[in-house]
Amino acid sequence: MKVATMNYSGSVGKTVATSHLLAPRIPGAEIIAVESTNESAADLGLDVDQLRGEHFGKIFRKLLIAESAIIDVGASNIEDFLGQLVKYDQAQAEIDFYVLPVIGTGKAQRETIKTIQALHAAGVDRNRIRVLFNRVDVRAIDEFEAIFAHERLASTFLANPQAQILETELFDLLANRRTSIDAVLSDTTDYRQALRQTDPDDDESVERITDMIALQSLAKPVRSQLDSAFAALFG
């Protein structure tokens, strides 16, 4: 499977989607960060080939030979990326799915619709454009009215309300510790015991250990929720 995550809007969770939703569930996928600013999956400790949108020729060649890949297109490079995409005949067909993470702000939803329209204009068919609802409080169907209204009106993309990532502090904690959900869950350290043995005045150690306790408490339910989101996104 070859997946591109993108959105004209920044700070909607493209890197979270790449690092924590897609990469663990697409075995062996090469990660290509098309980014010049902001955080990429490389900042979270993943092995990433980082390029700019203007280097589309190199990206295209990578896609031709890759069995699976995740292309994380940053907002600062999406214009170049889409501009180059239409210059190569059927280049858009080398990507199986275009995943558009979105948060609930009005601006992010408007920019997501703009991204959908650009992909549609580039020849990407409805079934390959998928919206991923991020930082959802309770139910995406209640929090993203503009997206669902546009889906009913245009029918140029798919928006499954179950393809949602709930609001959680886990991803910030993972980024701070440069680790992953799987690494946290495979860590057998008894951090509660370690905390009892730590000098309470050692602020740095206390912060590190309490972060790890919080990570372990959050990781299992969040991984289960991400499994459900992935199934809904590509089901």
Protein backbone atom coordinates (compact mmCIF):
# COMPACT_ATOMS: atom_id res chain seq x y z
CA MET A 1 0.00 0.00 0.00
CA LYS A 2 1.20 3.50 -0.89
CA VAL A 3 -0.39 6.34 1.07
CA ALA A 4 0.09 10.11 1.00
CA THR A 5 -0.93 12.26 3.97
CA MET A 6 -1.54 15.90 3.11
CA ASN A 7 -3.57 19.01 3.78
CA TYR A 8 -3.28 22.67 2.86
CA SER A 9 -3.84 23.35 6.55
CA GLY A 10 -0.91 22.96 8.91
CA SER A 11 -0.96 21.45 12.41
CA VAL A 12 -3.77 19.00 11.69
CA GLY A 13 -1.88 15.83 12.63
CA LYS A 14 -0.22 14.62 9.42
CA THR A 15 2.91 13.52 11.26
CA VAL A 16 0.89 11.85 14.03
CA ALA A 17 -1.05 9.98 11.35
CA THR A 18 2.15 8.94 9.60
CA SER A 19 4.08 7.91 12.71
CA HIS A 20 1.43 6.41 14.97
CA LEU A 21 -1.47 5.34 12.76
CA LEU A 22 -0.03 4.35 9.38
CA ALA A 23 3.60 3.28 9.85
CA PRO A 24 2.91 0.60 12.50
CA ARG A 25 0.13 -0.90 10.34
CA ILE A 26 1.80 -0.84 6.92
CA PRO A 27 4.75 -3.23 7.39
CA GLY A 28 7.97 -2.25 5.65
CA ALA A 29 6.64 1.04 4.33
CA GLU A 30 9.27 3.56 3.28
CA ILE A 31 8.50 6.95 4.82
CA ILE A 32 9.13 9.99 2.66
CA ALA A 33 8.73 13.37 4.36
CA VAL A 34 8.04 16.13 1.84
CA GLU A 35 8.70 18.98 4.22
CA SER A 36 10.91 22.00 4.75
CA THR A 37 9.44 23.29 8.02
CA ASN A 38 7.69 21.92 11.11
CA GLU A 39 7.93 18.46 12.62
CA SER A 40 8.31 15.35 10.47
CA ALA A 41 8.26 11.68 11.34
CA ALA A 42 12.07 11.81 11.53
CA ASP A 43 11.72 14.01 14.61
CA LEU A 44 9.82 11.17 16.25
CA GLY A 45 12.62 8.69 15.66
CA LEU A 46 11.45 6.99 12.45
CA ASP A 47 13.73 6.29 9.48
CA VAL A 48 12.66 8.94 6.99
CA ASP A 49 13.85 10.12 3.58
CA GLN A 50 13.26 13.88 3.65
CA LEU A 51 12.64 15.78 0.41
CA ARG A 52 10.96 18.96 -0.80
CA GLY A 53 7.91 19.11 -3.05
CA GLU A 54 10.03 20.41 -5.92
CA HIS A 55 11.93 17.10 -5.89
CA PHE A 56 8.90 15.22 -7.18
CA GLY A 57 10.92 13.40 -9.84
CA LYS A 58 12.87 11.58 -7.14
CA ILE A 59 9.68 10.87 -5.19
CA PHE A 60 8.01 9.50 -8.34
CA ARG A 61 10.91 7.12 -8.99
CA LYS A 62 10.79 5.89 -5.40
CA LEU A 63 7.08 5.18 -5.75
CA LEU A 64 7.64 3.18 -8.92
CA ILE A 65 9.87 0.66 -7.13
CA ALA A 66 8.40 0.68 -3.61
CA GLU A 67 5.94 -2.01 -2.58
CA SER A 68 4.69 0.17 0.25
CA ALA A 69 5.32 3.79 1.15
CA ILE A 70 3.96 6.67 3.21
CA ILE A 71 4.46 10.16 1.80
CA ASP A 72 4.04 12.82 4.50
CA VAL A 73 3.46 16.06 2.56
CA GLY A 74 3.85 19.15 4.72
CA ALA A 75 1.59 22.16 4.25
CA SER A 76 4.56 24.28 3.13
CA ASN A 77 5.23 21.89 0.23
CA ILE A 78 1.76 20.83 -0.91
CA GLU A 79 1.55 23.43 -3.70
CA ASP A 80 4.83 22.22 -5.22
CA PHE A 81 3.86 18.57 -4.71
CA LEU A 82 0.46 18.89 -6.40
CA GLY A 83 1.88 21.09 -9.13
CA GLN A 84 4.45 18.44 -9.98
CA LEU A 85 1.93 15.61 -9.60
CA VAL A 86 -0.07 16.76 -12.62
CA LYS A 87 3.04 17.15 -14.79
CA TYR A 88 3.73 13.40 -14.75
CA ASP A 89 1.11 11.44 -16.68
CA GLN A 90 -0.83 9.20 -14.27
CA ALA A 91 1.59 9.94 -11.43
CA GLN A 92 -1.36 10.31 -9.07
CA ALA A 93 -2.21 6.65 -9.77
CA GLU A 94 1.06 5.53 -8.15
CA ILE A 95 -0.44 6.48 -4.78
CA ASP A 96 -3.21 4.16 -3.61
CA PHE A 97 -4.78 6.48 -1.04
CA TYR A 98 -4.64 10.16 -0.18
CA VAL A 99 -5.32 10.60 3.54
CA LEU A 100 -6.33 14.07 4.70
CA PRO A 101 -6.11 14.53 8.48
CA VAL A 102 -8.31 17.34 9.77
CA ILE A 103 -9.11 18.94 13.12
CA GLY A 104 -12.39 20.58 14.05
CA THR A 105 -11.58 24.26 13.46
CA GLY A 106 -13.42 26.05 10.70
CA LYS A 107 -10.17 26.99 8.95
CA ALA A 108 -8.87 23.41 8.96
CA GLN A 109 -12.13 22.10 7.53
CA ARG A 110 -12.14 24.75 4.78
CA GLU A 111 -8.52 23.97 3.88
CA THR A 112 -9.34 20.26 3.82
CA ILE A 113 -12.12 20.89 1.32
CA LYS A 114 -9.64 22.91 -0.76
CA THR A 115 -7.25 19.93 -0.68
CA ILE A 116 -10.03 17.56 -1.76
CA GLN A 117 -10.88 19.85 -4.67
CA ALA A 118 -7.23 20.02 -5.76
CA LEU A 119 -6.88 16.23 -5.69
CA HIS A 120 -10.12 15.80 -7.61
CA ALA A 121 -8.87 18.27 -10.23
CA ALA A 122 -5.65 16.23 -10.49
CA GLY A 123 -7.69 13.17 -11.44
CA VAL A 124 -7.80 11.34 -8.11
CA ASP A 125 -11.06 9.42 -7.86
CA ARG A 126 -13.43 9.52 -4.90
CA ASN A 127 -12.54 6.13 -3.42
CA ARG A 128 -8.88 7.09 -3.01
CA ILE A 129 -9.40 10.34 -1.09
CA ARG A 130 -10.02 9.57 2.59
CA VAL A 131 -10.56 12.04 5.43
CA LEU A 132 -9.11 11.22 8.86
CA PHE A 133 -10.74 13.07 11.74
CA ASN A 134 -8.14 14.05 14.34
CA ARG A 135 -8.33 15.37 17.91
CA VAL A 136 -11.97 14.35 18.17
CA ASP A 137 -13.60 15.04 21.54
CA VAL A 138 -16.43 12.51 21.32
CA ARG A 139 -17.88 11.87 17.83
CA ALA A 140 -16.58 13.14 14.50
CA ILE A 141 -20.08 13.17 13.03
CA ASP A 142 -21.01 15.95 15.49
CA GLU A 143 -17.79 17.97 15.26
CA PHE A 144 -17.03 18.21 11.52
CA GLU A 145 -20.26 19.50 10.02
CA ALA A 146 -18.57 21.25 7.08
CA ILE A 147 -16.76 18.09 5.96
CA PHE A 148 -19.85 15.89 6.03
CA ALA A 149 -21.94 18.57 4.31
CA HIS A 150 -19.36 18.80 1.52
CA GLU A 151 -19.30 15.00 1.16
CA ARG A 152 -23.06 14.97 0.64
CA LEU A 153 -22.83 17.84 -1.85
CA ALA A 154 -19.78 16.88 -3.90
CA SER A 155 -19.32 13.09 -3.51
CA THR A 156 -15.63 13.44 -4.43
CA PHE A 157 -14.15 11.77 -1.33
CA LEU A 158 -14.93 9.37 1.50
CA ALA A 159 -15.50 10.48 5.08
CA ASN A 160 -16.19 7.61 7.46
CA PRO A 161 -17.05 9.08 10.89
CA GLN A 162 -15.40 6.05 12.52
CA ALA A 163 -12.05 7.01 10.96
CA GLN A 164 -11.24 9.21 13.93
CA ILE A 165 -8.39 9.76 16.39
CA LEU A 166 -9.62 10.87 19.78
CA GLU A 167 -8.05 13.76 21.69
CA THR A 168 -5.24 12.49 23.93
CA GLU A 169 -2.04 13.77 25.50
CA LEU A 170 -0.28 10.56 24.49
CA PHE A 171 1.15 11.86 21.23
CA ASP A 172 2.77 14.88 22.90
CA LEU A 173 4.31 12.60 25.52
CA LEU A 174 5.60 10.25 22.81
CA ALA A 175 7.11 13.18 20.91
CA ASN A 176 8.79 14.53 24.06
CA ARG A 177 10.33 11.12 24.76
CA ARG A 178 11.00 10.34 21.06
CA THR A 179 9.41 6.93 21.38
CA SER A 180 6.51 4.92 19.97
CA ILE A 181 3.42 3.19 21.32
CA ASP A 182 4.88 -0.24 20.58
CA ALA A 183 8.12 0.64 22.38
CA VAL A 184 6.18 1.84 25.43
CA LEU A 185 4.06 -1.31 25.55
CA SER A 186 7.10 -3.58 25.23
CA ASP A 187 8.91 -1.79 28.09
CA THR A 188 8.70 -4.04 31.17
CA THR A 189 10.20 -1.50 33.59
CA ASP A 190 8.20 -1.03 36.80
CA TYR A 191 8.13 2.76 36.79
CA ARG A 192 5.88 2.97 39.84
CA GLN A 193 8.51 1.12 41.84
CA ALA A 194 11.19 3.35 40.33
CA LEU A 195 9.21 6.42 41.41
CA ARG A 196 9.03 5.17 44.98
CA GLN A 197 12.81 4.81 44.98
CA THR A 198 13.48 8.24 43.47
CA ASP A 199 14.41 11.32 45.47
CA PRO A 200 11.29 13.54 45.29
CA ASP A 201 13.55 16.58 44.98
CA ASP A 202 15.11 15.18 41.78
CA ASP A 203 12.73 17.03 39.47
CA GLU A 204 14.23 15.72 36.22
CA SER A 205 13.98 12.06 37.26
CA VAL A 206 10.50 12.51 38.71
CA GLU A 207 9.29 14.13 35.47
CA ARG A 208 10.80 11.36 33.32
CA ILE A 209 9.35 8.56 35.44
CA THR A 210 5.88 10.09 35.78
CA ASP A 211 5.83 10.67 32.00
CA MET A 212 6.57 6.97 31.49
CA ILE A 213 3.80 5.96 33.90
CA ALA A 214 1.36 8.18 31.99
CA LEU A 215 2.58 6.74 28.68
CA GLN A 216 2.05 3.16 29.83
CA SER A 217 -1.43 4.00 31.13
CA LEU A 218 -2.49 5.62 27.86
CA ALA A 219 -0.72 3.49 25.26
CA LYS A 220 -2.85 0.33 25.26
CA PRO A 221 -6.30 1.96 24.90
CA VAL A 222 -4.97 4.42 22.31
CA ARG A 223 -3.42 1.62 20.24
CA SER A 224 -6.77 -0.19 20.26
CA GLN A 225 -8.52 2.99 19.16
CA LEU A 226 -5.97 3.50 16.36
CA ASP A 227 -6.58 -0.07 15.17
CA SER A 228 -10.27 0.79 14.83
CA ALA A 229 -9.49 4.07 13.06
CA PHE A 230 -7.20 2.33 10.56
CA ALA A 231 -9.84 -0.30 9.78
CA ALA A 232 -12.48 2.39 9.27
CA LEU A 233 -10.16 4.53 7.14
CA PHE A 234 -9.35 1.77 4.64
CA GLY A 235 -12.36 -0.51 5.10
